[in-house]
Amino acid sequence: VTLQEEMDFVDAYMYLNKVRFRENIQLEKHIAPEILQKKIAPLSLQMLIENAIKHNIISKDKPLTIDIFADDSK
């Protein structure tokens, strides 16, 4: 799928997690617009986000911020 499609899915997935964790979970995206049409394995980012949620503490005292970085470097 394209990176754009995967990011749209990630946004929907994070919406569900924000319902559960409210403001205690944040997603920051740093993606160069010119690479949004490149291909990526389906659901690969969701698995990474699931892993981050599963293996970290998420609370008011310890909110979780997940950063996604992508650029055109090889």
Protein backbone atom coordinates (compact mmCIF):
# COMPACT_ATOMS: atom_id res chain seq x y z
CA VAL A 1 0.00 0.00 0.00
CA THR A 2 1.12 3.61 -0.24
CA LEU A 3 2.52 5.35 2.80
CA GLN A 4 -0.46 7.71 2.59
CA GLU A 5 -2.92 4.80 2.85
CA GLU A 6 -0.99 3.36 5.78
CA MET A 7 -0.95 6.74 7.54
CA ASP A 8 -4.71 7.09 7.04
CA PHE A 9 -5.14 3.70 8.70
CA VAL A 10 -2.78 4.72 11.53
CA ASP A 11 -4.85 7.86 12.11
CA ALA A 12 -8.01 5.77 12.45
CA TYR A 13 -6.24 3.32 14.78
CA MET A 14 -4.91 6.15 16.93
CA TYR A 15 -8.39 7.66 17.13
CA LEU A 16 -9.58 4.46 18.80
CA ASN A 17 -6.63 4.51 21.19
CA LYS A 18 -7.30 8.16 22.06
CA VAL A 19 -10.81 7.14 23.09
CA ARG A 20 -9.22 4.66 25.50
CA PHE A 21 -6.24 6.70 26.74
CA ARG A 22 -7.52 10.25 26.09
CA GLU A 23 -4.73 12.84 26.15
CA ASN A 24 -2.28 10.35 27.65
CA ILE A 25 -1.25 9.12 24.19
CA GLN A 26 -0.02 11.29 21.34
CA LEU A 27 1.16 10.64 17.81
CA GLU A 28 3.58 12.98 16.10
CA LYS A 29 4.25 12.54 12.39
CA HIS A 30 7.31 13.92 10.64
CA ILE A 31 6.86 12.75 7.06
CA ALA A 32 8.08 14.49 3.94
CA PRO A 33 5.04 14.98 1.66
CA GLU A 34 6.93 13.85 -1.43
CA ILE A 35 7.26 10.28 -0.15
CA LEU A 36 3.60 9.65 0.70
CA GLN A 37 3.16 7.73 -2.57
CA LYS A 38 5.99 5.29 -1.87
CA LYS A 39 5.03 1.71 -1.01
CA ILE A 40 5.11 0.13 2.45
CA ALA A 41 4.05 -3.27 3.79
CA PRO A 42 0.38 -3.26 4.86
CA LEU A 43 -0.26 -2.80 8.60
CA SER A 44 3.45 -2.49 9.36
CA LEU A 45 3.05 0.82 11.17
CA GLN A 46 0.04 -0.41 13.13
CA MET A 47 2.11 -3.31 14.49
CA LEU A 48 4.82 -0.90 15.61
CA ILE A 49 2.26 1.31 17.35
CA GLU A 50 0.61 -1.70 19.01
CA ASN A 51 4.03 -2.76 20.28
CA ALA A 52 4.73 0.71 21.69
CA ILE A 53 1.37 0.73 23.49
CA LYS A 54 1.78 -2.81 24.84
CA HIS A 55 5.31 -2.37 26.19
CA ASN A 56 5.05 1.12 27.70
CA ILE A 57 3.23 2.72 30.59
CA ILE A 58 0.47 5.10 29.56
CA SER A 59 -0.94 7.26 32.33
CA LYS A 60 -1.57 10.85 33.27
CA ASP A 61 1.80 10.90 35.05
CA LYS A 62 3.57 9.11 32.19
CA PRO A 63 1.92 9.94 28.84
CA LEU A 64 3.18 8.16 25.74
CA THR A 65 4.25 10.08 22.65
CA ILE A 66 4.90 8.05 19.51
CA ASP A 67 6.97 9.77 16.82
CA ILE A 68 6.93 8.58 13.21
CA PHE A 69 9.74 9.88 11.01
CA ALA A 70 10.10 9.34 7.28
CA ASP A 71 12.26 10.99 4.67
CA ASP A 72 13.58 10.11 1.24
CA SER A 73 17.02 8.93 2.39
CA LYS A 74 18.00 5.44 1.32
